[in-house]
Amino acid sequence: MKLEHTDIIVAPFITEKSTDLKDQQQTLCFKVHPLANKIMVKEAVETLFKTHVDSVRLMNFKGKEKRYGRFTGRRPGWKKAYVKLKQGAKMIEYFEVV
């Protein structure tokens, strides 16, 4: 299955921890497609945001089991990527337009 760059990066993942990493270590956090690998994430960030990537770390999260009355269901699993930018690379600002 061939994924486009716009399909690989689903959304920025914005939490207190991710904003601290962005400010202190030039590391960005994204929610990515579950089939994406490190190479695909690196290429997608470099082409979409026009910056240089140093390293990529990926984490898989299993969906939690939830109860709906007497039935049990499962939330979907997802994947998170920590993208470290090279020294001196242009930082991505999520809220530039606002």
C-alpha atoms as a PDB file:
ATOM      1  CA  MET A   1       0.000   0.000   0.000  1.00  0.00           C
ATOM      2  CA  LYS A   2       1.458   3.331  -1.090  1.00  0.00           C
ATOM      3  CA  LEU A   3       0.754   6.187   1.313  1.00  0.00           C
ATOM      4  CA  GLU A   4       0.960   9.828   0.287  1.00  0.00           C
ATOM      5  CA  HIS A   5       2.825  12.319   2.485  1.00  0.00           C
ATOM      6  CA  THR A   6      -0.442  13.958   3.502  1.00  0.00           C
ATOM      7  CA  ASP A   7      -1.845  10.567   4.583  1.00  0.00           C
ATOM      8  CA  ILE A   8       1.154   9.681   6.764  1.00  0.00           C
ATOM      9  CA  ILE A   9       0.927  12.620   9.176  1.00  0.00           C
ATOM     10  CA  VAL A  10      -2.560  12.638  10.647  1.00  0.00           C
ATOM     11  CA  ALA A  11      -2.286  15.536  13.123  1.00  0.00           C
ATOM     12  CA  PRO A  12       0.127  17.294  15.469  1.00  0.00           C
ATOM     13  CA  PHE A  13      -0.050  15.883  18.982  1.00  0.00           C
ATOM     14  CA  ILE A  14      -0.165  18.874  21.335  1.00  0.00           C
ATOM     15  CA  THR A  15       0.274  18.281  25.074  1.00  0.00           C
ATOM     16  CA  GLU A  16       2.345  19.920  27.804  1.00  0.00           C
ATOM     17  CA  LYS A  17       5.083  17.342  27.317  1.00  0.00           C
ATOM     18  CA  SER A  18       5.177  17.816  23.535  1.00  0.00           C
ATOM     19  CA  THR A  19       5.357  21.623  23.801  1.00  0.00           C
ATOM     20  CA  ASP A  20       8.227  21.340  26.317  1.00  0.00           C
ATOM     21  CA  LEU A  21      10.074  18.963  23.961  1.00  0.00           C
ATOM     22  CA  LYS A  22       9.475  21.369  21.082  1.00  0.00           C
ATOM     23  CA  ASP A  23      10.894  24.328  22.998  1.00  0.00           C
ATOM     24  CA  GLN A  24      13.853  22.613  24.683  1.00  0.00           C
ATOM     25  CA  GLN A  25      14.977  19.782  22.370  1.00  0.00           C
ATOM     26  CA  GLN A  26      13.580  20.724  18.919  1.00  0.00           C
ATOM     27  CA  THR A  27      11.438  17.580  18.933  1.00  0.00           C
ATOM     28  CA  LEU A  28       7.970  17.537  17.388  1.00  0.00           C
ATOM     29  CA  CYS A  29       5.194  15.095  18.150  1.00  0.00           C
ATOM     30  CA  PHE A  30       2.705  13.831  15.539  1.00  0.00           C
ATOM     31  CA  LYS A  31      -0.095  11.313  15.328  1.00  0.00           C
ATOM     32  CA  VAL A  32       0.779   9.213  12.254  1.00  0.00           C
ATOM     33  CA  HIS A  33      -0.783   6.490  10.105  1.00  0.00           C
ATOM     34  CA  PRO A  34      -0.518   3.038  11.740  1.00  0.00           C
ATOM     35  CA  LEU A  35       1.274   1.543   8.696  1.00  0.00           C
ATOM     36  CA  ALA A  36       3.913   4.302   8.477  1.00  0.00           C
ATOM     37  CA  ASN A  37       7.552   3.556   9.287  1.00  0.00           C
ATOM     38  CA  LYS A  38      10.429   5.864  10.283  1.00  0.00           C
ATOM     39  CA  ILE A  39      11.601   6.491   6.728  1.00  0.00           C
ATOM     40  CA  MET A  40       8.104   7.402   5.545  1.00  0.00           C
ATOM     41  CA  VAL A  41       7.575   9.789   8.484  1.00  0.00           C
ATOM     42  CA  LYS A  42      10.948  11.472   7.876  1.00  0.00           C
ATOM     43  CA  GLU A  43      10.223  12.023   4.164  1.00  0.00           C
ATOM     44  CA  ALA A  44       6.719  13.319   4.922  1.00  0.00           C
ATOM     45  CA  VAL A  45       7.911  15.881   7.488  1.00  0.00           C
ATOM     46  CA  GLU A  46      10.749  17.071   5.257  1.00  0.00           C
ATOM     47  CA  THR A  47       8.527  17.550   2.201  1.00  0.00           C
ATOM     48  CA  LEU A  48       5.420  18.947   3.895  1.00  0.00           C
ATOM     49  CA  PHE A  49       7.141  21.347   6.304  1.00  0.00           C
ATOM     50  CA  LYS A  50      10.346  22.006   4.313  1.00  0.00           C
ATOM     51  CA  THR A  51      12.728  21.331   7.203  1.00  0.00           C
ATOM     52  CA  HIS A  52      15.511  18.824   7.972  1.00  0.00           C
ATOM     53  CA  VAL A  53      14.929  15.815  10.239  1.00  0.00           C
ATOM     54  CA  ASP A  54      17.648  14.313  12.433  1.00  0.00           C
ATOM     55  CA  SER A  55      15.848  11.263  13.879  1.00  0.00           C
ATOM     56  CA  VAL A  56      12.401   9.688  14.265  1.00  0.00           C
ATOM     57  CA  ARG A  57      11.032   7.563  17.120  1.00  0.00           C
ATOM     58  CA  LEU A  58       7.734   5.690  16.767  1.00  0.00           C
ATOM     59  CA  MET A  59       5.393   4.383  19.452  1.00  0.00           C
ATOM     60  CA  ASN A  60       2.394   2.074  19.001  1.00  0.00           C
ATOM     61  CA  PHE A  61      -0.617   2.433  21.288  1.00  0.00           C
ATOM     62  CA  LYS A  62      -3.193  -0.318  21.642  1.00  0.00           C
ATOM     63  CA  GLY A  63      -6.820   0.744  21.784  1.00  0.00           C
ATOM     64  CA  LYS A  64      -8.437   0.549  25.192  1.00  0.00           C
ATOM     65  CA  GLU A  65     -11.274  -1.828  25.912  1.00  0.00           C
ATOM     66  CA  LYS A  66     -14.460   0.064  26.764  1.00  0.00           C
ATOM     67  CA  ARG A  67     -17.816  -1.123  27.996  1.00  0.00           C
ATOM     68  CA  TYR A  68     -21.069   0.005  26.443  1.00  0.00           C
ATOM     69  CA  GLY A  69     -23.723  -1.322  28.799  1.00  0.00           C
ATOM     70  CA  ARG A  70     -23.302  -5.066  28.828  1.00  0.00           C
ATOM     71  CA  PHE A  71     -21.243  -5.096  25.631  1.00  0.00           C
ATOM     72  CA  THR A  72     -17.512  -4.581  25.408  1.00  0.00           C
ATOM     73  CA  GLY A  73     -15.904  -2.702  22.569  1.00  0.00           C
ATOM     74  CA  ARG A  74     -12.443  -1.566  21.656  1.00  0.00           C
ATOM     75  CA  ARG A  75     -11.134   1.875  20.772  1.00  0.00           C
ATOM     76  CA  PRO A  76      -8.881   1.940  17.715  1.00  0.00           C
ATOM     77  CA  GLY A  77      -5.122   1.693  18.141  1.00  0.00           C
ATOM     78  CA  TRP A  78      -2.864   4.500  16.905  1.00  0.00           C
ATOM     79  CA  LYS A  79       0.776   5.436  16.373  1.00  0.00           C
ATOM     80  CA  LYS A  80       2.734   8.444  17.648  1.00  0.00           C
ATOM     81  CA  ALA A  81       5.990   9.805  16.197  1.00  0.00           C
ATOM     82  CA  TYR A  82       8.625  11.956  17.895  1.00  0.00           C
ATOM     83  CA  VAL A  83      10.549  13.833  15.184  1.00  0.00           C
ATOM     84  CA  LYS A  84      13.823  15.496  16.182  1.00  0.00           C
ATOM     85  CA  LEU A  85      14.941  18.294  13.870  1.00  0.00           C
ATOM     86  CA  LYS A  86      18.566  18.918  12.932  1.00  0.00           C
ATOM     87  CA  GLN A  87      20.511  21.654  14.689  1.00  0.00           C
ATOM     88  CA  GLY A  88      19.709  24.986  13.022  1.00  0.00           C
ATOM     89  CA  ALA A  89      16.724  23.618  11.072  1.00  0.00           C
ATOM     90  CA  LYS A  90      13.576  25.706  10.731  1.00  0.00           C
ATOM     91  CA  MET A  91      11.136  25.013  13.575  1.00  0.00           C
ATOM     92  CA  ILE A  92       7.543  24.264  12.656  1.00  0.00           C
ATOM     93  CA  GLU A  93       4.947  26.520  14.232  1.00  0.00           C
ATOM     94  CA  TYR A  94       1.508  24.939  14.492  1.00  0.00           C
ATOM     95  CA  PHE A  95      -0.379  28.194  15.068  1.00  0.00           C
ATOM     96  CA  GLU A  96       1.357  30.549  12.620  1.00  0.00           C
ATOM     97  CA  VAL A  97      -1.873  31.509  10.869  1.00  0.00           C
ATOM     98  CA  VAL A  98      -3.784  32.461  14.031  1.00  0.00           C
END
